[in-house]
Every structure is written in C-alpha cells, then in structure tokens.
C-alpha atoms as a PDB file:
ATOM      1  CA  MET A   1     -68.020  -0.355  28.133  1.00  0.00           C
ATOM      2  CA  ILE A   2     -66.474  -3.046  25.922  1.00  0.00           C
ATOM      3  CA  LYS A   3     -64.807  -5.840  27.886  1.00  0.00           C
ATOM      4  CA  LYS A   4     -61.385  -6.787  26.544  1.00  0.00           C
ATOM      5  CA  PRO A   5     -61.002 -10.571  26.149  1.00  0.00           C
ATOM      6  CA  THR A   6     -58.275 -12.107  28.300  1.00  0.00           C
ATOM      7  CA  GLY A   7     -57.029 -15.580  29.028  1.00  0.00           C
ATOM      8  CA  LYS A   8     -56.813 -17.357  32.379  1.00  0.00           C
ATOM      9  CA  ARG A   9     -53.876 -17.070  34.762  1.00  0.00           C
ATOM     10  CA  THR A  10     -54.255 -20.031  37.133  1.00  0.00           C
ATOM     11  CA  PHE A  11     -51.595 -21.270  39.558  1.00  0.00           C
ATOM     12  CA  TRP A  12     -51.273 -23.951  42.213  1.00  0.00           C
ATOM     13  CA  GLU A  13     -50.135 -22.810  45.648  1.00  0.00           C
ATOM     14  CA  ILE A  14     -48.760 -25.391  48.072  1.00  0.00           C
ATOM     15  CA  LYS A  15     -48.451 -24.648  51.780  1.00  0.00           C
ATOM     16  CA  LYS A  16     -46.915 -26.872  54.443  1.00  0.00           C
ATOM     17  CA  SER A  17     -47.778 -26.628  58.131  1.00  0.00           C
ATOM     18  CA  GLY A  18     -45.999 -29.224  60.236  1.00  0.00           C
ATOM     19  CA  THR A  19     -46.775 -32.552  58.594  1.00  0.00           C
ATOM     20  CA  GLN A  20     -49.829 -31.215  56.750  1.00  0.00           C
ATOM     21  CA  VAL A  21     -49.576 -30.144  53.099  1.00  0.00           C
ATOM     22  CA  GLU A  22     -52.376 -28.131  51.534  1.00  0.00           C
ATOM     23  CA  SER A  23     -52.796 -27.070  47.934  1.00  0.00           C
ATOM     24  CA  SER A  24     -55.064 -24.402  46.522  1.00  0.00           C
ATOM     25  CA  THR A  25     -55.737 -22.674  43.234  1.00  0.00           C
ATOM     26  CA  LYS A  26     -54.854 -19.024  42.797  1.00  0.00           C
ATOM     27  CA  TYR A  27     -56.185 -16.788  40.037  1.00  0.00           C
ATOM     28  CA  LEU A  28     -55.076 -13.483  38.592  1.00  0.00           C
ATOM     29  CA  GLN A  29     -58.210 -11.548  37.724  1.00  0.00           C
ATOM     30  CA  PHE A  30     -57.589  -9.015  34.983  1.00  0.00           C
ATOM     31  CA  PRO A  31     -59.621  -5.793  34.782  1.00  0.00           C
ATOM     32  CA  GLU A  32     -62.274  -5.523  32.098  1.00  0.00           C
ATOM     33  CA  THR A  33     -61.032  -2.710  29.855  1.00  0.00           C
ATOM     34  CA  LYS A  34     -57.878  -2.390  27.773  1.00  0.00           C
ATOM     35  CA  ASP A  35     -56.816   0.781  29.620  1.00  0.00           C
ATOM     36  CA  GLU A  36     -57.219  -0.855  33.035  1.00  0.00           C
ATOM     37  CA  ILE A  37     -55.303  -3.965  31.947  1.00  0.00           C
ATOM     38  CA  GLU A  38     -52.461  -1.850  30.603  1.00  0.00           C
ATOM     39  CA  LYS A  39     -52.310   0.143  33.855  1.00  0.00           C
ATOM     40  CA  LEU A  40     -52.090  -3.131  35.791  1.00  0.00           C
ATOM     41  CA  ILE A  41     -49.310  -4.433  33.532  1.00  0.00           C
ATOM     42  CA  ILE A  42     -47.274  -1.223  33.714  1.00  0.00           C
ATOM     43  CA  ASN A  43     -47.602  -1.180  37.524  1.00  0.00           C
ATOM     44  CA  ILE A  44     -46.359  -4.790  37.733  1.00  0.00           C
ATOM     45  CA  PHE A  45     -43.560  -3.908  35.328  1.00  0.00           C
ATOM     46  CA  CYS A  46     -42.430  -0.944  37.447  1.00  0.00           C
ATOM     47  CA  LYS A  47     -42.507  -3.094  40.576  1.00  0.00           C
ATOM     48  CA  GLU A  48     -40.388  -5.814  38.963  1.00  0.00           C
ATOM     49  CA  LEU A  49     -38.003  -3.374  37.290  1.00  0.00           C
ATOM     50  CA  ASP A  50     -37.259  -1.890  40.683  1.00  0.00           C
ATOM     51  CA  GLN A  51     -35.649  -5.234  41.606  1.00  0.00           C
ATOM     52  CA  THR A  52     -33.184  -4.993  38.701  1.00  0.00           C
ATOM     53  CA  LYS A  53     -30.249  -2.656  38.056  1.00  0.00           C
ATOM     54  CA  LEU A  54     -31.191  -1.827  34.465  1.00  0.00           C
ATOM     55  CA  PHE A  55     -32.377   1.699  35.214  1.00  0.00           C
ATOM     56  CA  LYS A  56     -34.420   3.613  37.781  1.00  0.00           C
ATOM     57  CA  ILE A  57     -37.892   5.043  37.292  1.00  0.00           C
ATOM     58  CA  LEU A  58     -37.890   8.667  38.461  1.00  0.00           C
ATOM     59  CA  THR A  59     -41.549   9.575  37.851  1.00  0.00           C
ATOM     60  CA  PRO A  60     -44.664   7.363  37.599  1.00  0.00           C
ATOM     61  CA  PRO A  61     -45.672   6.296  34.073  1.00  0.00           C
ATOM     62  CA  VAL A  62     -48.229   8.582  32.440  1.00  0.00           C
ATOM     63  CA  LYS A  63     -50.837   7.220  30.032  1.00  0.00           C
ATOM     64  CA  ILE A  64     -50.683   8.883  26.618  1.00  0.00           C
ATOM     65  CA  SER A  65     -53.560   9.238  24.137  1.00  0.00           C
ATOM     66  CA  GLU A  66     -54.903   6.350  22.068  1.00  0.00           C
ATOM     67  CA  HIS A  67     -52.970   7.668  19.073  1.00  0.00           C
ATOM     68  CA  ASP A  68     -49.558   7.670  20.755  1.00  0.00           C
ATOM     69  CA  ILE A  69     -47.180   5.287  22.481  1.00  0.00           C
ATOM     70  CA  ASP A  70     -48.854   3.839  25.586  1.00  0.00           C
ATOM     71  CA  PHE A  71     -46.897   5.471  28.427  1.00  0.00           C
ATOM     72  CA  HIS A  72     -44.222   8.085  29.085  1.00  0.00           C
ATOM     73  CA  MET A  73     -41.997   8.087  32.150  1.00  0.00           C
ATOM     74  CA  ASN A  74     -38.775   9.706  33.282  1.00  0.00           C
ATOM     75  CA  THR A  75     -35.946   7.302  34.042  1.00  0.00           C
ATOM     76  CA  SER A  76     -32.320   7.525  35.110  1.00  0.00           C
ATOM     77  CA  LEU A  77     -31.461   7.085  31.410  1.00  0.00           C
ATOM     78  CA  GLY A  78     -33.791   9.826  30.149  1.00  0.00           C
ATOM     79  CA  GLN A  79     -37.421  10.156  29.123  1.00  0.00           C
ATOM     80  CA  MET A  80     -38.779   6.833  27.932  1.00  0.00           C
ATOM     81  CA  GLY A  81     -41.814   5.832  25.894  1.00  0.00           C
ATOM     82  CA  ILE A  82     -43.302   2.451  26.837  1.00  0.00           C
ATOM     83  CA  GLU A  83     -45.373   0.420  24.383  1.00  0.00           C
ATOM     84  CA  LEU A  84     -47.350  -2.623  25.554  1.00  0.00           C
ATOM     85  CA  VAL A  85     -48.419  -5.518  23.343  1.00  0.00           C
ATOM     86  CA  GLU A  86     -50.224  -8.686  24.345  1.00  0.00           C
ATOM     87  CA  ASP A  87     -48.753 -12.065  23.503  1.00  0.00           C
ATOM     88  CA  ALA A  88     -51.959 -13.543  22.104  1.00  0.00           C
ATOM     89  CA  PRO A  89     -51.802 -15.813  19.021  1.00  0.00           C
ATOM     90  CA  LEU A  90     -55.579 -15.829  18.598  1.00  0.00           C
ATOM     91  CA  THR A  91     -58.175 -16.448  15.912  1.00  0.00           C
ATOM     92  CA  LYS A  92     -61.562 -14.730  15.569  1.00  0.00           C
ATOM     93  CA  GLU A  93     -62.840 -16.945  18.395  1.00  0.00           C
ATOM     94  CA  CYS A  94     -60.369 -15.292  20.779  1.00  0.00           C
ATOM     95  CA  TYR A  95     -59.235 -17.337  23.767  1.00  0.00           C
ATOM     96  CA  ARG A  96     -61.828 -20.052  23.203  1.00  0.00           C
ATOM     97  CA  SER A  97     -59.701 -21.280  20.310  1.00  0.00           C
ATOM     98  CA  LEU A  98     -56.296 -20.926  21.962  1.00  0.00           C
ATOM     99  CA  LYS A  99     -54.322 -24.120  21.413  1.00  0.00           C
ATOM    100  CA  SER A 100     -53.166 -26.136  24.395  1.00  0.00           C
ATOM    101  CA  GLU A 101     -49.726 -26.683  22.864  1.00  0.00           C
ATOM    102  CA  PHE A 102     -47.428 -24.621  20.679  1.00  0.00           C
ATOM    103  CA  SER A 103     -44.114 -25.558  19.153  1.00  0.00           C
ATOM    104  CA  ALA A 104     -41.109 -23.403  19.976  1.00  0.00           C
ATOM    105  CA  GLU A 105     -41.105 -22.291  16.343  1.00  0.00           C
ATOM    106  CA  GLU A 106     -44.750 -21.152  16.483  1.00  0.00           C
ATOM    107  CA  ARG A 107     -44.167 -19.202  19.671  1.00  0.00           C
ATOM    108  CA  TYR A 108     -41.008 -17.614  18.310  1.00  0.00           C
ATOM    109  CA  GLU A 109     -42.602 -16.574  15.012  1.00  0.00           C
ATOM    110  CA  HIS A 110     -45.499 -14.947  16.855  1.00  0.00           C
ATOM    111  CA  LEU A 111     -43.239 -13.029  19.235  1.00  0.00           C
ATOM    112  CA  LYS A 112     -41.024 -11.933  16.352  1.00  0.00           C
ATOM    113  CA  ASP A 113     -44.121 -10.651  14.561  1.00  0.00           C
ATOM    114  CA  ARG A 114     -45.117  -8.634  17.646  1.00  0.00           C
ATOM    115  CA  ILE A 115     -41.676  -7.032  17.765  1.00  0.00           C
ATOM    116  CA  GLN A 116     -41.610  -6.333  14.029  1.00  0.00           C
ATOM    117  CA  SER A 117     -45.084  -4.787  13.884  1.00  0.00           C
ATOM    118  CA  LYS A 118     -44.456  -2.486  16.846  1.00  0.00           C
ATOM    119  CA  SER A 119     -41.011  -1.582  15.512  1.00  0.00           C
ATOM    120  CA  LYS A 120     -42.504  -0.535  12.189  1.00  0.00           C
ATOM    121  CA  LYS A 121     -45.144   1.550  13.942  1.00  0.00           C
ATOM    122  CA  TYR A 122     -42.642   3.457  16.090  1.00  0.00           C
ATOM    123  CA  GLU A 123     -39.489   3.478  13.950  1.00  0.00           C
ATOM    124  CA  ASN A 124     -39.769   7.265  13.470  1.00  0.00           C
ATOM    125  CA  TYR A 125     -41.058   8.084  16.962  1.00  0.00           C
ATOM    126  CA  THR A 126     -39.094  11.022  18.418  1.00  0.00           C
ATOM    127  CA  LYS A 127     -41.228  12.312  21.304  1.00  0.00           C
ATOM    128  CA  THR A 128     -39.008  10.511  23.805  1.00  0.00           C
ATOM    129  CA  SER A 129     -35.284   9.852  23.651  1.00  0.00           C
ATOM    130  CA  LEU A 130     -35.781   6.185  24.557  1.00  0.00           C
ATOM    131  CA  LYS A 131     -38.388   3.540  23.730  1.00  0.00           C
ATOM    132  CA  SER A 132     -39.177   0.207  25.372  1.00  0.00           C
ATOM    133  CA  LEU A 133     -41.504  -2.632  24.401  1.00  0.00           C
ATOM    134  CA  ILE A 134     -43.248  -4.836  26.967  1.00  0.00           C
ATOM    135  CA  ILE A 135     -44.748  -8.075  25.666  1.00  0.00           C
ATOM    136  CA  TYR A 136     -47.168  -9.588  28.185  1.00  0.00           C
ATOM    137  CA  ASN A 137     -49.577 -12.495  28.312  1.00  0.00           C
ATOM    138  CA  THR A 138     -52.884 -13.094  30.074  1.00  0.00           C
ATOM    139  CA  ASP A 139     -53.135 -16.874  29.673  1.00  0.00           C
ATOM    140  CA  ALA A 140     -51.283 -19.637  31.517  1.00  0.00           C
ATOM    141  CA  LYS A 141     -50.931 -21.611  28.252  1.00  0.00           C
ATOM    142  CA  LEU A 142     -48.526 -18.953  27.033  1.00  0.00           C
ATOM    143  CA  GLY A 143     -45.088 -18.158  28.319  1.00  0.00           C
ATOM    144  CA  LEU A 144     -41.477 -18.942  27.544  1.00  0.00           C
ATOM    145  CA  ILE A 145     -39.178 -21.930  27.530  1.00  0.00           C
ATOM    146  CA  GLY A 146     -35.441 -21.707  26.983  1.00  0.00           C
ATOM    147  CA  SER A 147     -35.550 -22.436  23.267  1.00  0.00           C
ATOM    148  CA  ILE A 148     -38.096 -19.657  22.626  1.00  0.00           C
ATOM    149  CA  THR A 149     -36.133 -17.166  24.703  1.00  0.00           C
ATOM    150  CA  ALA A 150     -32.936 -18.066  22.856  1.00  0.00           C
ATOM    151  CA  LEU A 151     -34.563 -17.606  19.451  1.00  0.00           C
ATOM    152  CA  VAL A 152     -35.946 -14.174  20.349  1.00  0.00           C
ATOM    153  CA  ILE A 153     -32.651 -13.020  21.886  1.00  0.00           C
ATOM    154  CA  LYS A 154     -30.845 -14.213  18.768  1.00  0.00           C
ATOM    155  CA  TYR A 155     -33.267 -12.341  16.510  1.00  0.00           C
ATOM    156  CA  CYS A 156     -33.002  -9.125  18.534  1.00  0.00           C
ATOM    157  CA  HIS A 157     -29.204  -9.151  18.503  1.00  0.00           C
ATOM    158  CA  THR A 158     -28.790  -9.970  14.811  1.00  0.00           C
ATOM    159  CA  ASN A 159     -31.243  -7.323  13.573  1.00  0.00           C
ATOM    160  CA  LYS A 160     -31.492  -3.578  14.085  1.00  0.00           C
ATOM    161  CA  MET A 161     -33.806  -2.791  17.006  1.00  0.00           C
ATOM    162  CA  ILE A 162     -35.675   0.509  17.245  1.00  0.00           C
ATOM    163  CA  PHE A 163     -36.545  -0.228  20.897  1.00  0.00           C
ATOM    164  CA  ASN A 164     -33.837   0.348  23.471  1.00  0.00           C
ATOM    165  CA  TYR A 165     -35.293  -2.390  25.676  1.00  0.00           C
ATOM    166  CA  ILE A 166     -37.597  -5.335  24.956  1.00  0.00           C
ATOM    167  CA  PHE A 167     -39.130  -7.171  27.924  1.00  0.00           C
ATOM    168  CA  TYR A 168     -41.428 -10.154  28.435  1.00  0.00           C
ATOM    169  CA  LEU A 169     -43.799 -10.028  31.414  1.00  0.00           C
ATOM    170  CA  ASN A 170     -45.484 -13.176  32.708  1.00  0.00           C
ATOM    171  CA  SER A 171     -47.821 -11.943  35.469  1.00  0.00           C
ATOM    172  CA  ARG A 172     -48.654 -13.905  38.614  1.00  0.00           C
ATOM    173  CA  PRO A 173     -51.578 -13.768  41.110  1.00  0.00           C
ATOM    174  CA  ASN A 174     -49.643 -11.832  43.768  1.00  0.00           C
ATOM    175  CA  LEU A 175     -49.117  -9.033  41.223  1.00  0.00           C
ATOM    176  CA  SER A 176     -45.508 -10.001  40.669  1.00  0.00           C
ATOM    177  CA  ALA A 177     -44.180 -11.438  37.432  1.00  0.00           C
ATOM    178  CA  ILE A 178     -41.637 -13.670  35.767  1.00  0.00           C
ATOM    179  CA  PHE A 179     -39.587 -10.946  34.159  1.00  0.00           C
ATOM    180  CA  ASP A 180     -37.442 -11.636  31.087  1.00  0.00           C
ATOM    181  CA  LEU A 181     -35.192  -9.302  29.130  1.00  0.00           C
ATOM    182  CA  PHE A 182     -34.912 -10.036  25.415  1.00  0.00           C
ATOM    183  CA  TYR A 183     -32.866  -6.986  24.483  1.00  0.00           C
ATOM    184  CA  PRO A 184     -30.217  -5.864  25.169  1.00  0.00           C
ATOM    185  CA  GLN A 185     -28.428  -8.809  26.729  1.00  0.00           C
ATOM    186  CA  GLU A 186     -24.917  -9.164  28.094  1.00  0.00           C
ATOM    187  CA  LYS A 187     -22.167 -10.096  25.657  1.00  0.00           C
ATOM    188  CA  GLU A 188     -21.673 -13.538  27.225  1.00  0.00           C
ATOM    189  CA  VAL A 189     -25.369 -14.372  26.886  1.00  0.00           C
ATOM    190  CA  VAL A 190     -25.491 -13.244  23.250  1.00  0.00           C
ATOM    191  CA  GLU A 191     -22.401 -15.277  22.394  1.00  0.00           C
ATOM    192  CA  GLU A 192     -23.890 -18.379  23.974  1.00  0.00           C
ATOM    193  CA  VAL A 193     -27.213 -17.939  22.184  1.00  0.00           C
ATOM    194  CA  LEU A 194     -25.506 -17.373  18.840  1.00  0.00           C
ATOM    195  CA  SER A 195     -23.641 -20.654  19.280  1.00  0.00           C
ATOM    196  CA  TYR A 196     -26.907 -22.624  19.306  1.00  0.00           C
ATOM    197  CA  ASP A 197     -28.183 -24.268  16.139  1.00  0.00           C
ATOM    198  CA  GLU A 198     -31.357 -22.403  15.139  1.00  0.00           C
ATOM    199  CA  ALA A 199     -32.936 -25.497  13.565  1.00  0.00           C
ATOM    200  CA  ASP A 200     -32.587 -27.301  16.901  1.00  0.00           C
ATOM    201  CA  LEU A 201     -33.998 -24.344  18.804  1.00  0.00           C
ATOM    202  CA  ARG A 202     -37.101 -24.321  16.616  1.00  0.00           C
ATOM    203  CA  LYS A 203     -37.919 -27.915  17.572  1.00  0.00           C
ATOM    204  CA  ASP A 204     -39.948 -28.665  20.674  1.00  0.00           C
ATOM    205  CA  GLY A 205     -37.903 -29.044  23.797  1.00  0.00           C
ATOM    206  CA  TYR A 206     -36.125 -27.115  26.473  1.00  0.00           C
ATOM    207  CA  ILE A 207     -32.652 -25.618  26.231  1.00  0.00           C
ATOM    208  CA  LYS A 208     -31.342 -24.157  29.453  1.00  0.00           C
ATOM    209  CA  LEU A 209     -29.827 -20.701  29.021  1.00  0.00           C
ATOM    210  CA  PHE A 210     -26.732 -19.401  30.796  1.00  0.00           C
END
C-alpha cells in the first residue's frame, strides 16, 4: 500500500473552567491512502453541505472507478458528479518543501490552475447532469484570506465554468470544515468582488468580503 503524502492540520484549542484557562493542541490525522482521504473529505463535505440551503443530498456519494469522476450522488437538483482536487502547491520534495508564506497572487494562480486543469479534463463529461469541484487542503499553511477568495470568485464569474458548483474545504480536527463557495455566488457578492482592483487583490493583505 502506497501512503499518500499529506500536510499537517494542527489547531490550538482553548478551554476555560472558572478562572482557569487551558490550551491544547488538536490534530487532524488523515488516512494513509488516496481513496481513504477522499472518502473522509467527501463525508466532511456532505456534513457541511447539510448546513447550507444550496441543495440536498438524497443518496450517499458512491465512489467511481479510477478512470472516472471521483463520486456520483443524487441531489435535489439531479444526479451530480463530484471531483476532488487537493490544494497542494508542492515540489518533488512534497510537503517538506512547502513554503511557510505565500502571496495572495501565488495562492490565486495555483487555485486557478486547479480549476482550469479539472475543467479541461471534464469539459465533455456527460454521465451526470451536474458536476461539482471540491478543492481541499491537508496542511495548516494553506487556506484562504479575503483577497484570495475575491480573486477566485472574480475569475469564476468572468469565465465560462464547466462545473455547476466549485467549493473550497478547509478541514478541522472535529471533522467539520471551513466551507467556502467560489461558484456560483449571489449577484451582490459578484458585483462587490468585481468592483475591487485586481492589482490590489494580488498584493499581500486581507480584504474583508461582504
């Protein structure tokens, strides 16, 4: 069995009891194989999606073959194919070489590349009426800030998307996640994002959305 490399998801947990404050470190341990990791991610996704009003999952996701989209599931919108892709801007040294800091521009260009490569792969996919892309990460150094989110939303809404939904999943130790929707977004959100100066967004910093 070949172990799939992953990053480290480490979090501080602070608990208060009376006047005493205690802190501890929590870890999210990922399974060892690609299939097991993807099953974990899709289960977290389904759990988080259930808290939204985007659509309902009617049947559990079913793993498809290695030569097909990752999962199929029936939803209130119709049958949906789900493709997973890891947010991992790595070199040949894998996570050992992962930088401690990325500019907003670097993060955006990598995420855009993930969307473009998966879109090209599935642009003619017709086995399901709907397709969704889930981008996920396994390392605490990766994630989103407002400027990155704005850039990706802007890209998705100014270019033709072959995916009906594009999500970002930032898993946490309690098997929940920070759950972001890149596409589609509400008209008000898109209008606000389009009003931002892209050159400013690409610079380091934080821009609060909505």
